[in-house]
Amino acid sequence: MVEKYCEPGATLLDLGAQPFIISCALKRMGYNVMVIDVEPEPYLSIAGSCGVDVVKCDLERDESKVADADCAVFTEVLEHLHYY
């Protein structure tokens, strides 16, 4: 689905992405991947091993401060957000 909507080389924002397996796969597919996650520390070595940039941020409480991205994915986060 990402390939359908985002061109290779595009900047892709992966929100709530730990353990960063999908983030690394997207990076290998040719995307510039930036990850936002509430608690990335346990998995930073995975993100680092594939060159994925990680920003620590609570999506429900903090401003993300991400200025520019072409696409965004929420593959590991929706079930964790508060239902309000």
C-alpha atoms as a PDB file:
ATOM      1  CA  MET A   1       0.000   0.000   0.000  1.00  0.00           C
ATOM      2  CA  VAL A   2       2.874   2.370   0.774  1.00  0.00           C
ATOM      3  CA  GLU A   3       4.286   1.815  -2.709  1.00  0.00           C
ATOM      4  CA  LYS A   4       0.908   2.747  -4.188  1.00  0.00           C
ATOM      5  CA  TYR A   5       0.760   6.143  -2.447  1.00  0.00           C
ATOM      6  CA  CYS A   6       4.388   7.128  -1.774  1.00  0.00           C
ATOM      7  CA  GLU A   7       7.153   7.348  -4.322  1.00  0.00           C
ATOM      8  CA  PRO A   8      10.524   5.751  -3.505  1.00  0.00           C
ATOM      9  CA  GLY A   9      12.815   8.317  -1.943  1.00  0.00           C
ATOM     10  CA  ALA A  10       9.887  10.113  -0.300  1.00  0.00           C
ATOM     11  CA  THR A  11      10.095  11.061   3.373  1.00  0.00           C
ATOM     12  CA  LEU A  12       7.858   8.672   5.270  1.00  0.00           C
ATOM     13  CA  LEU A  13       6.771   9.269   8.866  1.00  0.00           C
ATOM     14  CA  ASP A  14       6.233   6.053  10.846  1.00  0.00           C
ATOM     15  CA  LEU A  15       4.195   6.896  13.941  1.00  0.00           C
ATOM     16  CA  GLY A  16       4.333   4.624  16.973  1.00  0.00           C
ATOM     17  CA  ALA A  17       6.660   2.225  15.231  1.00  0.00           C
ATOM     18  CA  GLN A  18       8.503   0.142  17.811  1.00  0.00           C
ATOM     19  CA  PRO A  19      10.054  -2.377  17.456  1.00  0.00           C
ATOM     20  CA  PHE A  20      10.966  -0.668  14.139  1.00  0.00           C
ATOM     21  CA  ILE A  21      10.857  -3.806  11.969  1.00  0.00           C
ATOM     22  CA  ILE A  22       8.432  -2.216   9.489  1.00  0.00           C
ATOM     23  CA  SER A  23      10.404   1.043   9.657  1.00  0.00           C
ATOM     24  CA  CYS A  24      13.552  -0.834   8.618  1.00  0.00           C
ATOM     25  CA  ALA A  25      11.688  -2.630   5.822  1.00  0.00           C
ATOM     26  CA  LEU A  26      10.420   0.703   4.496  1.00  0.00           C
ATOM     27  CA  LYS A  27      13.970   2.077   4.638  1.00  0.00           C
ATOM     28  CA  ARG A  28      15.195  -0.901   2.590  1.00  0.00           C
ATOM     29  CA  MET A  29      12.449  -0.180   0.065  1.00  0.00           C
ATOM     30  CA  GLY A  30      14.059   3.200  -0.587  1.00  0.00           C
ATOM     31  CA  TYR A  31      12.112   5.559   1.675  1.00  0.00           C
ATOM     32  CA  ASN A  32      13.624   8.192   3.939  1.00  0.00           C
ATOM     33  CA  VAL A  33      12.039   7.006   7.206  1.00  0.00           C
ATOM     34  CA  MET A  34      11.520   9.104  10.315  1.00  0.00           C
ATOM     35  CA  VAL A  35      10.004   7.405  13.357  1.00  0.00           C
ATOM     36  CA  ILE A  36       8.018   8.989  16.183  1.00  0.00           C
ATOM     37  CA  ASP A  37       7.539   6.778  19.221  1.00  0.00           C
ATOM     38  CA  VAL A  38       6.629   7.269  22.871  1.00  0.00           C
ATOM     39  CA  GLU A  39       9.266   4.881  24.222  1.00  0.00           C
ATOM     40  CA  PRO A  40      11.857   4.067  21.571  1.00  0.00           C
ATOM     41  CA  GLU A  41      14.784   3.312  23.900  1.00  0.00           C
ATOM     42  CA  PRO A  42      14.425  -0.513  24.107  1.00  0.00           C
ATOM     43  CA  TYR A  43      14.615  -0.797  20.311  1.00  0.00           C
ATOM     44  CA  LEU A  44      17.000   1.991  19.298  1.00  0.00           C
ATOM     45  CA  SER A  45      19.658  -0.526  18.265  1.00  0.00           C
ATOM     46  CA  ILE A  46      17.263  -1.951  15.644  1.00  0.00           C
ATOM     47  CA  ALA A  47      16.463   1.508  14.278  1.00  0.00           C
ATOM     48  CA  GLY A  48      20.139   2.440  14.297  1.00  0.00           C
ATOM     49  CA  SER A  49      21.161  -0.724  12.492  1.00  0.00           C
ATOM     50  CA  CYS A  50      19.090   0.216   9.472  1.00  0.00           C
ATOM     51  CA  GLY A  51      19.605   3.988   9.555  1.00  0.00           C
ATOM     52  CA  VAL A  52      16.129   5.046  10.665  1.00  0.00           C
ATOM     53  CA  ASP A  53      15.843   8.421  12.439  1.00  0.00           C
ATOM     54  CA  VAL A  54      13.882   8.265  15.717  1.00  0.00           C
ATOM     55  CA  VAL A  55      12.146  11.099  17.586  1.00  0.00           C
ATOM     56  CA  LYS A  56      10.798  10.453  21.089  1.00  0.00           C
ATOM     57  CA  CYS A  57       7.274  11.873  21.347  1.00  0.00           C
ATOM     58  CA  ASP A  58       3.954  10.991  22.980  1.00  0.00           C
ATOM     59  CA  LEU A  59       1.408  11.332  20.157  1.00  0.00           C
ATOM     60  CA  GLU A  60      -1.419  12.021  22.613  1.00  0.00           C
ATOM     61  CA  ARG A  61       0.349  14.683  24.675  1.00  0.00           C
ATOM     62  CA  ASP A  62       3.251  16.237  22.766  1.00  0.00           C
ATOM     63  CA  GLU A  63       3.661  18.253  19.607  1.00  0.00           C
ATOM     64  CA  SER A  64       5.601  16.122  17.122  1.00  0.00           C
ATOM     65  CA  LYS A  65       7.734  18.989  15.756  1.00  0.00           C
ATOM     66  CA  VAL A  66       8.055  17.183  12.428  1.00  0.00           C
ATOM     67  CA  ALA A  67       8.099  19.870   9.786  1.00  0.00           C
ATOM     68  CA  ASP A  68       7.872  17.911   6.580  1.00  0.00           C
ATOM     69  CA  ALA A  69       6.906  14.416   5.441  1.00  0.00           C
ATOM     70  CA  ASP A  70       5.394  13.097   2.230  1.00  0.00           C
ATOM     71  CA  CYS A  71       3.521  10.149   3.759  1.00  0.00           C
ATOM     72  CA  ALA A  72       2.670   8.720   7.176  1.00  0.00           C
ATOM     73  CA  VAL A  73       1.875   5.235   8.463  1.00  0.00           C
ATOM     74  CA  PHE A  74       0.377   4.028  11.771  1.00  0.00           C
ATOM     75  CA  THR A  75       1.092   0.292  11.625  1.00  0.00           C
ATOM     76  CA  GLU A  76       1.864  -0.263  15.321  1.00  0.00           C
ATOM     77  CA  VAL A  77      -0.068   2.460  17.177  1.00  0.00           C
ATOM     78  CA  LEU A  78      -3.846   2.742  16.700  1.00  0.00           C
ATOM     79  CA  GLU A  79      -4.758   0.055  19.230  1.00  0.00           C
ATOM     80  CA  HIS A  80      -2.705   1.881  21.895  1.00  0.00           C
ATOM     81  CA  LEU A  81      -4.274   5.319  21.603  1.00  0.00           C
ATOM     82  CA  HIS A  82      -6.849   6.386  24.150  1.00  0.00           C
ATOM     83  CA  TYR A  83     -10.349   5.982  22.733  1.00  0.00           C
ATOM     84  CA  TYR A  84     -11.361   9.566  23.546  1.00  0.00           C
END
